[in-house]
Amino acid sequence: MRRRVGRLIQDDVVRISAVPNLARMGYTTTALIGIQSGPGRSDEVAEALATLEEVHYVAITTGPYDIFIWVGLESAEMLGNLLHTRIGVIEGVQNTQTFVNLSIKKSTHGLGL
């Protein structure tokens, strides 16, 4: 098993990383946020979102939202502040819809091998 994992790492098939438990770190509010950007602005907006410390995941997607992000914060108040003062002011952001996580039933942090 150790040899197989070593080979997967060497071949850049897998990377070993630590995944923090946000709830244990005091981040009690997590949410998915769907973002609509202006025409041709998805990459630019996604790059700006990726620089925000509270944002843990950024994906350019298909469907009604151009981008989805996942955020972790200490409170709902901080989420509101992030939406109004940091995300909403990014040039190219046209609309957001926030989905607050009530509970997480499964989180694999990647594919199982």
PDB file of N, CA and C in Angstrom:
ATOM      1  N   MET A   1       0.838  -1.192   0.000  1.00  0.00           N
ATOM      2  CA  MET A   1       0.000   0.000   0.000  1.00  0.00           C
ATOM      3  C   MET A   1       0.884   1.258   0.000  1.00  0.00           C
ATOM      4  N   ARG A   2       1.906   1.269   0.845  1.00  0.00           N
ATOM      5  CA  ARG A   2       2.785   2.433   0.936  1.00  0.00           C
ATOM      6  C   ARG A   2       3.470   2.708  -0.401  1.00  0.00           C
ATOM      7  N   ARG A   3       3.898   1.640  -1.068  1.00  0.00           N
ATOM      8  CA  ARG A   3       4.557   1.785  -2.369  1.00  0.00           C
ATOM      9  C   ARG A   3       3.580   2.370  -3.403  1.00  0.00           C
ATOM     10  N   ARG A   4       2.338   1.883  -3.391  1.00  0.00           N
ATOM     11  CA  ARG A   4       1.324   2.376  -4.336  1.00  0.00           C
ATOM     12  C   ARG A   4       1.053   3.859  -4.101  1.00  0.00           C
ATOM     13  N   VAL A   5       0.877   4.251  -2.864  1.00  0.00           N
ATOM     14  CA  VAL A   5       0.619   5.659  -2.547  1.00  0.00           C
ATOM     15  C   VAL A   5       1.818   6.509  -2.943  1.00  0.00           C
ATOM     16  N   GLY A   6       3.009   6.025  -2.640  1.00  0.00           N
ATOM     17  CA  GLY A   6       4.221   6.753  -3.021  1.00  0.00           C
ATOM     18  C   GLY A   6       4.301   6.973  -4.524  1.00  0.00           C
ATOM     19  N   ARG A   7       3.925   5.957  -5.292  1.00  0.00           N
ATOM     20  CA  ARG A   7       3.949   6.049  -6.757  1.00  0.00           C
ATOM     21  C   ARG A   7       2.899   7.047  -7.244  1.00  0.00           C
ATOM     22  N   LEU A   8       1.712   7.032  -6.646  1.00  0.00           N
ATOM     23  CA  LEU A   8       0.660   7.976  -7.029  1.00  0.00           C
ATOM     24  C   LEU A   8       1.087   9.416  -6.746  1.00  0.00           C
ATOM     25  N   ILE A   9       1.766   9.623  -5.656  1.00  0.00           N
ATOM     26  CA  ILE A   9       2.270  10.963  -5.324  1.00  0.00           C
ATOM     27  C   ILE A   9       3.365  11.354  -6.313  1.00  0.00           C
ATOM     28  N   GLN A  10       4.297  10.458  -6.553  1.00  0.00           N
ATOM     29  CA  GLN A  10       5.409  10.720  -7.470  1.00  0.00           C
ATOM     30  C   GLN A  10       4.905  11.047  -8.878  1.00  0.00           C
ATOM     31  N   ASP A  11       3.876  10.340  -9.322  1.00  0.00           N
ATOM     32  CA  ASP A  11       3.318  10.549 -10.661  1.00  0.00           C
ATOM     33  C   ASP A  11       2.338  11.725 -10.717  1.00  0.00           C
ATOM     34  N   ASP A  12       2.202  12.449  -9.623  1.00  0.00           N
ATOM     35  CA  ASP A  12       1.305  13.607  -9.517  1.00  0.00           C
ATOM     36  C   ASP A  12      -0.148  13.239  -9.811  1.00  0.00           C
ATOM     37  N   VAL A  13      -0.537  12.020  -9.395  1.00  0.00           N
ATOM     38  CA  VAL A  13      -1.918  11.570  -9.519  1.00  0.00           C
ATOM     39  C   VAL A  13      -2.706  12.010  -8.292  1.00  0.00           C
ATOM     40  N   VAL A  14      -2.069  11.972  -7.126  1.00  0.00           N
ATOM     41  CA  VAL A  14      -2.706  12.425  -5.887  1.00  0.00           C
ATOM     42  C   VAL A  14      -1.767  13.370  -5.153  1.00  0.00           C
ATOM     43  N   ARG A  15      -2.363  14.189  -4.314  1.00  0.00           N
ATOM     44  CA  ARG A  15      -1.619  15.081  -3.424  1.00  0.00           C
ATOM     45  C   ARG A  15      -2.148  14.858  -2.017  1.00  0.00           C
ATOM     46  N   ILE A  16      -1.283  14.854  -1.069  1.00  0.00           N
ATOM     47  CA  ILE A  16      -1.678  14.714   0.327  1.00  0.00           C
ATOM     48  C   ILE A  16      -1.805  16.119   0.919  1.00  0.00           C
ATOM     49  N   SER A  17      -2.957  16.389   1.552  1.00  0.00           N
ATOM     50  CA  SER A  17      -3.164  17.690   2.174  1.00  0.00           C
ATOM     51  C   SER A  17      -4.066  17.528   3.394  1.00  0.00           C
ATOM     52  N   ALA A  18      -3.984  18.488   4.277  1.00  0.00           N
ATOM     53  CA  ALA A  18      -4.834  18.497   5.470  1.00  0.00           C
ATOM     54  C   ALA A  18      -6.117  19.260   5.157  1.00  0.00           C
ATOM     55  N   VAL A  19      -7.244  18.753   5.626  1.00  0.00           N
ATOM     56  CA  VAL A  19      -8.533  19.414   5.447  1.00  0.00           C
ATOM     57  C   VAL A  19      -9.006  19.855   6.829  1.00  0.00           C
ATOM     58  N   PRO A  20      -9.048  21.165   7.070  1.00  0.00           N
ATOM     59  CA  PRO A  20      -9.451  21.627   8.399  1.00  0.00           C
ATOM     60  C   PRO A  20     -10.933  21.384   8.666  1.00  0.00           C
ATOM     61  N   ASN A  21     -11.255  21.113   9.913  1.00  0.00           N
ATOM     62  CA  ASN A  21     -12.642  20.992  10.349  1.00  0.00           C
ATOM     63  C   ASN A  21     -13.085  22.400  10.753  1.00  0.00           C
ATOM     64  N   LEU A  22     -13.789  23.075   9.845  1.00  0.00           N
ATOM     65  CA  LEU A  22     -14.142  24.475  10.075  1.00  0.00           C
ATOM     66  C   LEU A  22     -14.979  24.665  11.334  1.00  0.00           C
ATOM     67  N   ALA A  23     -15.885  23.749  11.620  1.00  0.00           N
ATOM     68  CA  ALA A  23     -16.732  23.876  12.816  1.00  0.00           C
ATOM     69  C   ALA A  23     -15.876  23.865  14.079  1.00  0.00           C
ATOM     70  N   ARG A  24     -14.885  23.000  14.131  1.00  0.00           N
ATOM     71  CA  ARG A  24     -13.995  22.925  15.302  1.00  0.00           C
ATOM     72  C   ARG A  24     -13.119  24.171  15.441  1.00  0.00           C
ATOM     73  N   MET A  25     -12.938  24.871  14.320  1.00  0.00           N
ATOM     74  CA  MET A  25     -12.118  26.085  14.331  1.00  0.00           C
ATOM     75  C   MET A  25     -12.946  27.335  14.606  1.00  0.00           C
ATOM     76  N   GLY A  26     -14.252  27.145  14.884  1.00  0.00           N
ATOM     77  CA  GLY A  26     -15.107  28.280  15.218  1.00  0.00           C
ATOM     78  C   GLY A  26     -15.870  28.870  14.052  1.00  0.00           C
ATOM     79  N   TYR A  27     -15.758  28.272  12.877  1.00  0.00           N
ATOM     80  CA  TYR A  27     -16.492  28.746  11.712  1.00  0.00           C
ATOM     81  C   TYR A  27     -17.835  28.019  11.659  1.00  0.00           C
ATOM     82  N   THR A  28     -18.817  28.577  12.332  1.00  0.00           N
ATOM     83  CA  THR A  28     -20.110  27.905  12.490  1.00  0.00           C
ATOM     84  C   THR A  28     -21.071  28.148  11.333  1.00  0.00           C
ATOM     85  N   THR A  29     -20.749  29.079  10.441  1.00  0.00           N
ATOM     86  CA  THR A  29     -21.599  29.384   9.302  1.00  0.00           C
ATOM     87  C   THR A  29     -20.869  29.035   8.016  1.00  0.00           C
ATOM     88  N   THR A  30     -21.399  28.052   7.285  1.00  0.00           N
ATOM     89  CA  THR A  30     -20.848  27.714   5.979  1.00  0.00           C
ATOM     90  C   THR A  30     -21.964  27.836   4.954  1.00  0.00           C
ATOM     91  N   ALA A  31     -21.597  28.211   3.740  1.00  0.00           N
ATOM     92  CA  ALA A  31     -22.611  28.423   2.712  1.00  0.00           C
ATOM     93  C   ALA A  31     -22.034  28.202   1.324  1.00  0.00           C
ATOM     94  N   LEU A  32     -22.910  27.799   0.413  1.00  0.00           N
ATOM     95  CA  LEU A  32     -22.619  27.785  -1.009  1.00  0.00           C
ATOM     96  C   LEU A  32     -23.231  29.054  -1.579  1.00  0.00           C
ATOM     97  N   ILE A  33     -22.502  29.718  -2.441  1.00  0.00           N
ATOM     98  CA  ILE A  33     -23.007  30.950  -3.041  1.00  0.00           C
ATOM     99  C   ILE A  33     -22.908  30.821  -4.549  1.00  0.00           C
ATOM    100  N   GLY A  34     -24.059  30.941  -5.219  1.00  0.00           N
ATOM    101  CA  GLY A  34     -24.098  30.959  -6.673  1.00  0.00           C
ATOM    102  C   GLY A  34     -23.963  32.392  -7.141  1.00  0.00           C
ATOM    103  N   ILE A  35     -23.109  32.609  -8.134  1.00  0.00           N
ATOM    104  CA  ILE A  35     -22.821  33.967  -8.593  1.00  0.00           C
ATOM    105  C   ILE A  35     -23.030  34.053 -10.100  1.00  0.00           C
ATOM    106  N   GLN A  36     -23.765  35.057 -10.529  1.00  0.00           N
ATOM    107  CA  GLN A  36     -23.915  35.358 -11.947  1.00  0.00           C
ATOM    108  C   GLN A  36     -22.992  36.528 -12.255  1.00  0.00           C
ATOM    109  N   SER A  37     -22.195  36.359 -13.301  1.00  0.00           N
ATOM    110  CA  SER A  37     -21.269  37.421 -13.693  1.00  0.00           C
ATOM    111  C   SER A  37     -21.667  37.969 -15.058  1.00  0.00           C
ATOM    112  N   GLY A  38     -21.102  39.105 -15.388  1.00  0.00           N
ATOM    113  CA  GLY A  38     -21.377  39.701 -16.700  1.00  0.00           C
ATOM    114  C   GLY A  38     -20.802  38.843 -17.814  1.00  0.00           C
ATOM    115  N   PRO A  39     -21.272  39.040 -19.039  1.00  0.00           N
ATOM    116  CA  PRO A  39     -20.786  38.264 -20.172  1.00  0.00           C
ATOM    117  C   PRO A  39     -19.261  38.316 -20.297  1.00  0.00           C
ATOM    118  N   GLY A  40     -18.656  37.142 -20.397  1.00  0.00           N
ATOM    119  CA  GLY A  40     -17.209  37.049 -20.561  1.00  0.00           C
ATOM    120  C   GLY A  40     -16.394  37.410 -19.340  1.00  0.00           C
ATOM    121  N   ARG A  41     -17.022  37.498 -18.165  1.00  0.00           N
ATOM    122  CA  ARG A  41     -16.302  37.946 -16.965  1.00  0.00           C
ATOM    123  C   ARG A  41     -16.109  36.853 -15.930  1.00  0.00           C
ATOM    124  N   SER A  42     -16.517  35.626 -16.233  1.00  0.00           N
ATOM    125  CA  SER A  42     -16.453  34.547 -15.240  1.00  0.00           C
ATOM    126  C   SER A  42     -15.049  34.330 -14.692  1.00  0.00           C
ATOM    127  N   ASP A  43     -14.060  34.245 -15.577  1.00  0.00           N
ATOM    128  CA  ASP A  43     -12.683  34.010 -15.121  1.00  0.00           C
ATOM    129  C   ASP A  43     -12.190  35.131 -14.215  1.00  0.00           C
ATOM    130  N   GLU A  44     -12.417  36.355 -14.631  1.00  0.00           N
ATOM    131  CA  GLU A  44     -11.987  37.523 -13.869  1.00  0.00           C
ATOM    132  C   GLU A  44     -12.642  37.558 -12.481  1.00  0.00           C
ATOM    133  N   VAL A  45     -13.948  37.321 -12.437  1.00  0.00           N
ATOM    134  CA  VAL A  45     -14.668  37.324 -11.159  1.00  0.00           C
ATOM    135  C   VAL A  45     -14.207  36.161 -10.286  1.00  0.00           C
ATOM    136  N   ALA A  46     -14.063  34.969 -10.870  1.00  0.00           N
ATOM    137  CA  ALA A  46     -13.615  33.797 -10.107  1.00  0.00           C
ATOM    138  C   ALA A  46     -12.232  34.025  -9.503  1.00  0.00           C
ATOM    139  N   GLU A  47     -11.332  34.640 -10.264  1.00  0.00           N
ATOM    140  CA  GLU A  47      -9.995  34.928  -9.738  1.00  0.00           C
ATOM    141  C   GLU A  47     -10.060  35.908  -8.573  1.00  0.00           C
ATOM    142  N   ALA A  48     -10.920  36.911  -8.662  1.00  0.00           N
ATOM    143  CA  ALA A  48     -11.077  37.870  -7.561  1.00  0.00           C
ATOM    144  C   ALA A  48     -11.647  37.172  -6.327  1.00  0.00           C
ATOM    145  N   LEU A  49     -12.620  36.295  -6.523  1.00  0.00           N
ATOM    146  CA  LEU A  49     -13.213  35.562  -5.404  1.00  0.00           C
ATOM    147  C   LEU A  49     -12.189  34.642  -4.745  1.00  0.00           C
ATOM    148  N   ALA A  50     -11.327  34.045  -5.539  1.00  0.00           N
ATOM    149  CA  ALA A  50     -10.325  33.118  -5.014  1.00  0.00           C
ATOM    150  C   ALA A  50      -9.317  33.806  -4.093  1.00  0.00           C
ATOM    151  N   THR A  51      -9.209  35.108  -4.157  1.00  0.00           N
ATOM    152  CA  THR A  51      -8.270  35.826  -3.284  1.00  0.00           C
ATOM    153  C   THR A  51      -8.844  36.084  -1.887  1.00  0.00           C
ATOM    154  N   LEU A  52     -10.152  35.894  -1.716  1.00  0.00           N
ATOM    155  CA  LEU A  52     -10.786  36.170  -0.425  1.00  0.00           C
ATOM    156  C   LEU A  52     -10.502  35.034   0.554  1.00  0.00           C
ATOM    157  N   GLU A  53     -10.033  35.381   1.722  1.00  0.00           N
ATOM    158  CA  GLU A  53      -9.655  34.396   2.740  1.00  0.00           C
ATOM    159  C   GLU A  53     -10.803  33.478   3.148  1.00  0.00           C
ATOM    160  N   GLU A  54     -12.023  33.995   3.177  1.00  0.00           N
ATOM    161  CA  GLU A  54     -13.176  33.224   3.626  1.00  0.00           C
ATOM    162  C   GLU A  54     -13.647  32.199   2.592  1.00  0.00           C
ATOM    163  N   VAL A  55     -13.197  32.345   1.369  1.00  0.00           N
ATOM    164  CA  VAL A  55     -13.618  31.476   0.272  1.00  0.00           C
ATOM    165  C   VAL A  55     -12.690  30.266   0.211  1.00  0.00           C
ATOM    166  N   HIS A  56     -13.282  29.064   0.326  1.00  0.00           N
ATOM    167  CA  HIS A  56     -12.499  27.832   0.371  1.00  0.00           C
ATOM    168  C   HIS A  56     -12.600  27.014  -0.912  1.00  0.00           C
ATOM    169  N   TYR A  57     -13.494  27.386  -1.805  1.00  0.00           N
ATOM    170  CA  TYR A  57     -13.705  26.633  -3.036  1.00  0.00           C
ATOM    171  C   TYR A  57     -14.305  27.573  -4.071  1.00  0.00           C
ATOM    172  N   VAL A  58     -13.769  27.555  -5.278  1.00  0.00           N
ATOM    173  CA  VAL A  58     -14.290  28.380  -6.370  1.00  0.00           C
ATOM    174  C   VAL A  58     -14.372  27.508  -7.618  1.00  0.00           C
ATOM    175  N   ALA A  59     -15.533  27.474  -8.263  1.00  0.00           N
ATOM    176  CA  ALA A  59     -15.697  26.701  -9.495  1.00  0.00           C
ATOM    177  C   ALA A  59     -16.506  27.500 -10.507  1.00  0.00           C
ATOM    178  N   ILE A  60     -16.024  27.538 -11.731  1.00  0.00           N
ATOM    179  CA  ILE A  60     -16.804  28.090 -12.838  1.00  0.00           C
ATOM    180  C   ILE A  60     -17.698  26.955 -13.319  1.00  0.00           C
ATOM    181  N   THR A  61     -18.985  27.241 -13.456  1.00  0.00           N
ATOM    182  CA  THR A  61     -19.963  26.182 -13.691  1.00  0.00           C
ATOM    183  C   THR A  61     -20.865  26.472 -14.888  1.00  0.00           C
ATOM    184  N   THR A  62     -21.701  25.502 -15.210  1.00  0.00           N
ATOM    185  CA  THR A  62     -22.757  25.686 -16.192  1.00  0.00           C
ATOM    186  C   THR A  62     -24.063  25.875 -15.436  1.00  0.00           C
ATOM    187  N   GLY A  63     -25.103  26.255 -16.145  1.00  0.00           N
ATOM    188  CA  GLY A  63     -26.399  26.427 -15.499  1.00  0.00           C
ATOM    189  C   GLY A  63     -26.679  27.882 -15.188  1.00  0.00           C
ATOM    190  N   PRO A  64     -27.618  28.130 -14.292  1.00  0.00           N
ATOM    191  CA  PRO A  64     -28.029  29.509 -14.020  1.00  0.00           C
ATOM    192  C   PRO A  64     -26.961  30.361 -13.328  1.00  0.00           C
ATOM    193  N   TYR A  65     -25.966  29.713 -12.709  1.00  0.00           N
ATOM    194  CA  TYR A  65     -24.884  30.455 -12.054  1.00  0.00           C
ATOM    195  C   TYR A  65     -23.584  30.197 -12.797  1.00  0.00           C
ATOM    196  N   ASP A  66     -22.823  31.249 -12.985  1.00  0.00           N
ATOM    197  CA  ASP A  66     -21.540  31.141 -13.676  1.00  0.00           C
ATOM    198  C   ASP A  66     -20.455  30.600 -12.760  1.00  0.00           C
ATOM    199  N   ILE A  67     -20.604  30.871 -11.458  1.00  0.00           N
ATOM    200  CA  ILE A  67     -19.587  30.513 -10.473  1.00  0.00           C
ATOM    201  C   ILE A  67     -20.278  30.034  -9.205  1.00  0.00           C
ATOM    202  N   PHE A  68     -19.718  29.019  -8.570  1.00  0.00           N
ATOM    203  CA  PHE A  68     -20.131  28.628  -7.228  1.00  0.00           C
ATOM    204  C   PHE A  68     -18.922  28.741  -6.315  1.00  0.00           C
ATOM    205  N   ILE A  69     -19.159  29.278  -5.118  1.00  0.00           N
ATOM    206  CA  ILE A  69     -18.104  29.319  -4.107  1.00  0.00           C
ATOM    207  C   ILE A  69     -18.633  28.699  -2.819  1.00  0.00           C
ATOM    208  N   TRP A  70     -17.726  28.222  -1.994  1.00  0.00           N
ATOM    209  CA  TRP A  70     -18.056  27.702  -0.678  1.00  0.00           C
ATOM    210  C   TRP A  70     -17.291  28.532   0.332  1.00  0.00           C
ATOM    211  N   VAL A  71     -17.988  29.056   1.328  1.00  0.00           N
ATOM    212  CA  VAL A  71     -17.370  29.929   2.329  1.00  0.00           C
ATOM    213  C   VAL A  71     -17.598  29.384   3.729  1.00  0.00           C
ATOM    214  N   GLY A  72     -16.686  29.704   4.627  1.00  0.00           N
ATOM    215  CA  GLY A  72     -16.813  29.375   6.036  1.00  0.00           C
ATOM    216  C   GLY A  72     -16.530  30.614   6.865  1.00  0.00           C
ATOM    217  N   LEU A  73     -17.462  30.961   7.762  1.00  0.00           N
ATOM    218  CA  LEU A  73     -17.318  32.156   8.585  1.00  0.00           C
ATOM    219  C   LEU A  73     -17.759  31.865  10.015  1.00  0.00           C
ATOM    220  N   GLU A  74     -17.464  32.794  10.894  1.00  0.00           N
ATOM    221  CA  GLU A  74     -17.774  32.617  12.307  1.00  0.00           C
ATOM    222  C   GLU A  74     -19.230  32.898  12.647  1.00  0.00           C
ATOM    223  N   SER A  75     -19.959  33.626  11.785  1.00  0.00           N
ATOM    224  CA  SER A  75     -21.353  33.953  12.105  1.00  0.00           C
ATOM    225  C   SER A  75     -22.120  34.325  10.844  1.00  0.00           C
ATOM    226  N   ALA A  76     -23.439  34.317  10.959  1.00  0.00           N
ATOM    227  CA  ALA A  76     -24.299  34.754   9.854  1.00  0.00           C
ATOM    228  C   ALA A  76     -24.087  36.235   9.573  1.00  0.00           C
ATOM    229  N   GLU A  77     -23.815  36.994  10.620  1.00  0.00           N
ATOM    230  CA  GLU A  77     -23.542  38.429  10.448  1.00  0.00           C
ATOM    231  C   GLU A  77     -22.311  38.639   9.574  1.00  0.00           C
ATOM    232  N   MET A  78     -21.278  37.843   9.813  1.00  0.00           N
ATOM    233  CA  MET A  78     -20.064  37.947   9.006  1.00  0.00           C
ATOM    234  C   MET A  78     -20.332  37.527   7.557  1.00  0.00           C
ATOM    235  N   LEU A  79     -21.217  36.555   7.355  1.00  0.00           N
ATOM    236  CA  LEU A  79     -21.601  36.153   6.006  1.00  0.00           C
ATOM    237  C   LEU A  79     -22.274  37.327   5.295  1.00  0.00           C
ATOM    238  N   GLY A  80     -23.197  37.972   5.959  1.00  0.00           N
ATOM    239  CA  GLY A  80     -23.864  39.137   5.380  1.00  0.00           C
ATOM    240  C   GLY A  80     -22.875  40.233   5.016  1.00  0.00           C
ATOM    241  N   ASN A  81     -21.922  40.473   5.900  1.00  0.00           N
ATOM    242  CA  ASN A  81     -20.902  41.487   5.646  1.00  0.00           C
ATOM    243  C   ASN A  81     -20.054  41.110   4.430  1.00  0.00           C
ATOM    244  N   LEU A  82     -19.660  39.840   4.334  1.00  0.00           N
ATOM    245  CA  LEU A  82     -18.878  39.370   3.195  1.00  0.00           C
ATOM    246  C   LEU A  82     -19.645  39.588   1.887  1.00  0.00           C
ATOM    247  N   LEU A  83     -20.925  39.234   1.890  1.00  0.00           N
ATOM    248  CA  LEU A  83     -21.742  39.374   0.687  1.00  0.00           C
ATOM    249  C   LEU A  83     -21.884  40.836   0.253  1.00  0.00           C
ATOM    250  N   HIS A  84     -22.097  41.724   1.215  1.00  0.00           N
ATOM    251  CA  HIS A  84     -22.371  43.118   0.878  1.00  0.00           C
ATOM    252  C   HIS A  84     -21.130  43.964   0.634  1.00  0.00           C
ATOM    253  N   THR A  85     -20.065  43.711   1.361  1.00  0.00           N
ATOM    254  CA  THR A  85     -18.915  44.615   1.276  1.00  0.00           C
ATOM    255  C   THR A  85     -17.727  44.060   0.505  1.00  0.00           C
ATOM    256  N   ARG A  86     -17.715  42.746   0.233  1.00  0.00           N
ATOM    257  CA  ARG A  86     -16.544  42.186  -0.438  1.00  0.00           C
ATOM    258  C   ARG A  86     -16.897  41.461  -1.729  1.00  0.00           C
ATOM    259  N   ILE A  87     -17.992  40.702  -1.737  1.00  0.00           N
ATOM    260  CA  ILE A  87     -18.371  39.973  -2.953  1.00  0.00           C
ATOM    261  C   ILE A  87     -19.211  40.859  -3.877  1.00  0.00           C
ATOM    262  N   GLY A  88     -20.210  41.521  -3.326  1.00  0.00           N
ATOM    263  CA  GLY A  88     -21.110  42.340  -4.134  1.00  0.00           C
ATOM    264  C   GLY A  88     -20.445  43.503  -4.836  1.00  0.00           C
ATOM    265  N   VAL A  89     -19.289  43.924  -4.355  1.00  0.00           N
ATOM    266  CA  VAL A  89     -18.598  45.071  -4.951  1.00  0.00           C
ATOM    267  C   VAL A  89     -17.562  44.662  -6.002  1.00  0.00           C
ATOM    268  N   ILE A  90     -17.360  43.360  -6.194  1.00  0.00           N
ATOM    269  CA  ILE A  90     -16.417  42.909  -7.220  1.00  0.00           C
ATOM    270  C   ILE A  90     -16.989  43.253  -8.587  1.00  0.00           C
ATOM    271  N   GLU A  91     -16.201  43.937  -9.390  1.00  0.00           N
ATOM    272  CA  GLU A  91     -16.651  44.322 -10.715  1.00  0.00           C
ATOM    273  C   GLU A  91     -16.945  43.079 -11.546  1.00  0.00           C
ATOM    274  N   GLY A  92     -18.127  43.031 -12.114  1.00  0.00           N
ATOM    275  CA  GLY A  92     -18.543  41.887 -12.909  1.00  0.00           C
ATOM    276  C   GLY A  92     -19.558  41.008 -12.197  1.00  0.00           C
ATOM    277  N   VAL A  93     -19.696  41.135 -10.870  1.00  0.00           N
ATOM    278  CA  VAL A  93     -20.706  40.370 -10.137  1.00  0.00           C
ATOM    279  C   VAL A  93     -22.055  41.032 -10.377  1.00  0.00           C
ATOM    280  N   GLN A  94     -22.989  40.279 -10.956  1.00  0.00           N
ATOM    281  CA  GLN A  94     -24.311  40.824 -11.241  1.00  0.00           C
ATOM    282  C   GLN A  94     -25.358  40.404 -10.221  1.00  0.00           C
ATOM    283  N   ASN A  95     -25.245  39.156  -9.739  1.00  0.00           N
ATOM    284  CA  ASN A  95     -26.258  38.639  -8.831  1.00  0.00           C
ATOM    285  C   ASN A  95     -25.656  37.496  -8.028  1.00  0.00           C
ATOM    286  N   THR A  96     -26.123  37.341  -6.799  1.00  0.00           N
ATOM    287  CA  THR A  96     -25.707  36.203  -5.979  1.00  0.00           C
ATOM    288  C   THR A  96     -26.928  35.563  -5.349  1.00  0.00           C
ATOM    289  N   GLN A  97     -26.816  34.285  -5.075  1.00  0.00           N
ATOM    290  CA  GLN A  97     -27.827  33.589  -4.284  1.00  0.00           C
ATOM    291  C   GLN A  97     -27.083  32.707  -3.304  1.00  0.00           C
ATOM    292  N   THR A  98     -27.442  32.827  -2.032  1.00  0.00           N
ATOM    293  CA  THR A  98     -26.717  32.145  -0.968  1.00  0.00           C
ATOM    294  C   THR A  98     -27.534  30.988  -0.413  1.00  0.00           C
ATOM    295  N   PHE A  99     -26.864  29.853  -0.252  1.00  0.00           N
ATOM    296  CA  PHE A  99     -27.472  28.647   0.302  1.00  0.00           C
ATOM    297  C   PHE A  99     -26.695  28.302   1.574  1.00  0.00           C
ATOM    298  N   VAL A 100     -27.252  28.620   2.734  1.00  0.00           N
ATOM    299  CA  VAL A 100     -26.584  28.354   4.008  1.00  0.00           C
ATOM    300  C   VAL A 100     -26.701  26.869   4.330  1.00  0.00           C
ATOM    301  N   ASN A 101     -25.584  26.253   4.683  1.00  0.00           N
ATOM    302  CA  ASN A 101     -25.582  24.832   5.053  1.00  0.00           C
ATOM    303  C   ASN A 101     -26.184  24.670   6.440  1.00  0.00           C
ATOM    304  N   LEU A 102     -27.240  23.882   6.539  1.00  0.00           N
ATOM    305  CA  LEU A 102     -27.842  23.572   7.839  1.00  0.00           C
ATOM    306  C   LEU A 102     -27.128  22.393   8.477  1.00  0.00           C
ATOM    307  N   SER A 103     -26.752  21.413   7.655  1.00  0.00           N
ATOM    308  CA  SER A 103     -25.922  20.301   8.114  1.00  0.00           C
ATOM    309  C   SER A 103     -25.284  19.670   6.887  1.00  0.00           C
ATOM    310  N   ILE A 104     -24.155  19.038   7.087  1.00  0.00           N
ATOM    311  CA  ILE A 104     -23.450  18.361   6.001  1.00  0.00           C
ATOM    312  C   ILE A 104     -23.487  16.868   6.293  1.00  0.00           C
ATOM    313  N   LYS A 105     -24.071  16.103   5.394  1.00  0.00           N
ATOM    314  CA  LYS A 105     -24.250  14.666   5.593  1.00  0.00           C
ATOM    315  C   LYS A 105     -23.107  13.839   5.000  1.00  0.00           C
ATOM    316  N   LYS A 106     -22.409  14.403   4.031  1.00  0.00           N
ATOM    317  CA  LYS A 106     -21.282  13.688   3.438  1.00  0.00           C
ATOM    318  C   LYS A 106     -20.287  14.699   2.885  1.00  0.00           C
ATOM    319  N   SER A 107     -19.027  14.466   3.139  1.00  0.00           N
ATOM    320  CA  SER A 107     -17.977  15.318   2.606  1.00  0.00           C
ATOM    321  C   SER A 107     -16.732  14.473   2.420  1.00  0.00           C
ATOM    322  N   THR A 108     -16.422  14.134   1.177  1.00  0.00           N
ATOM    323  CA  THR A 108     -15.284  13.246   0.918  1.00  0.00           C
ATOM    324  C   THR A 108     -14.004  13.990   0.608  1.00  0.00           C
ATOM    325  N   HIS A 109     -14.108  15.274   0.283  1.00  0.00           N
ATOM    326  CA  HIS A 109     -12.933  16.089  -0.060  1.00  0.00           C
ATOM    327  C   HIS A 109     -12.160  15.502  -1.222  1.00  0.00           C
ATOM    328  N   GLY A 110     -12.861  14.943  -2.180  1.00  0.00           N
ATOM    329  CA  GLY A 110     -12.194  14.384  -3.352  1.00  0.00           C
ATOM    330  C   GLY A 110     -12.743  13.017  -3.699  1.00  0.00           C
ATOM    331  N   LEU A 111     -12.055  12.334  -4.580  1.00  0.00           N
ATOM    332  CA  LEU A 111     -12.474  11.007  -5.024  1.00  0.00           C
ATOM    333  C   LEU A 111     -11.807   9.920  -4.178  1.00  0.00           C
ATOM    334  N   GLY A 112     -12.533   8.885  -3.890  1.00  0.00           N
ATOM    335  CA  GLY A 112     -11.946   7.739  -3.189  1.00  0.00           C
ATOM    336  C   GLY A 112     -11.182   6.862  -4.163  1.00  0.00           C
ATOM    337  N   LEU A 113     -10.045   6.371  -3.750  1.00  0.00           N
ATOM    338  CA  LEU A 113      -9.252   5.488  -4.615  1.00  0.00           C
ATOM    339  C   LEU A 113      -9.334   4.064  -4.151  1.00  0.00           C
TER     340      LEU A 113
END
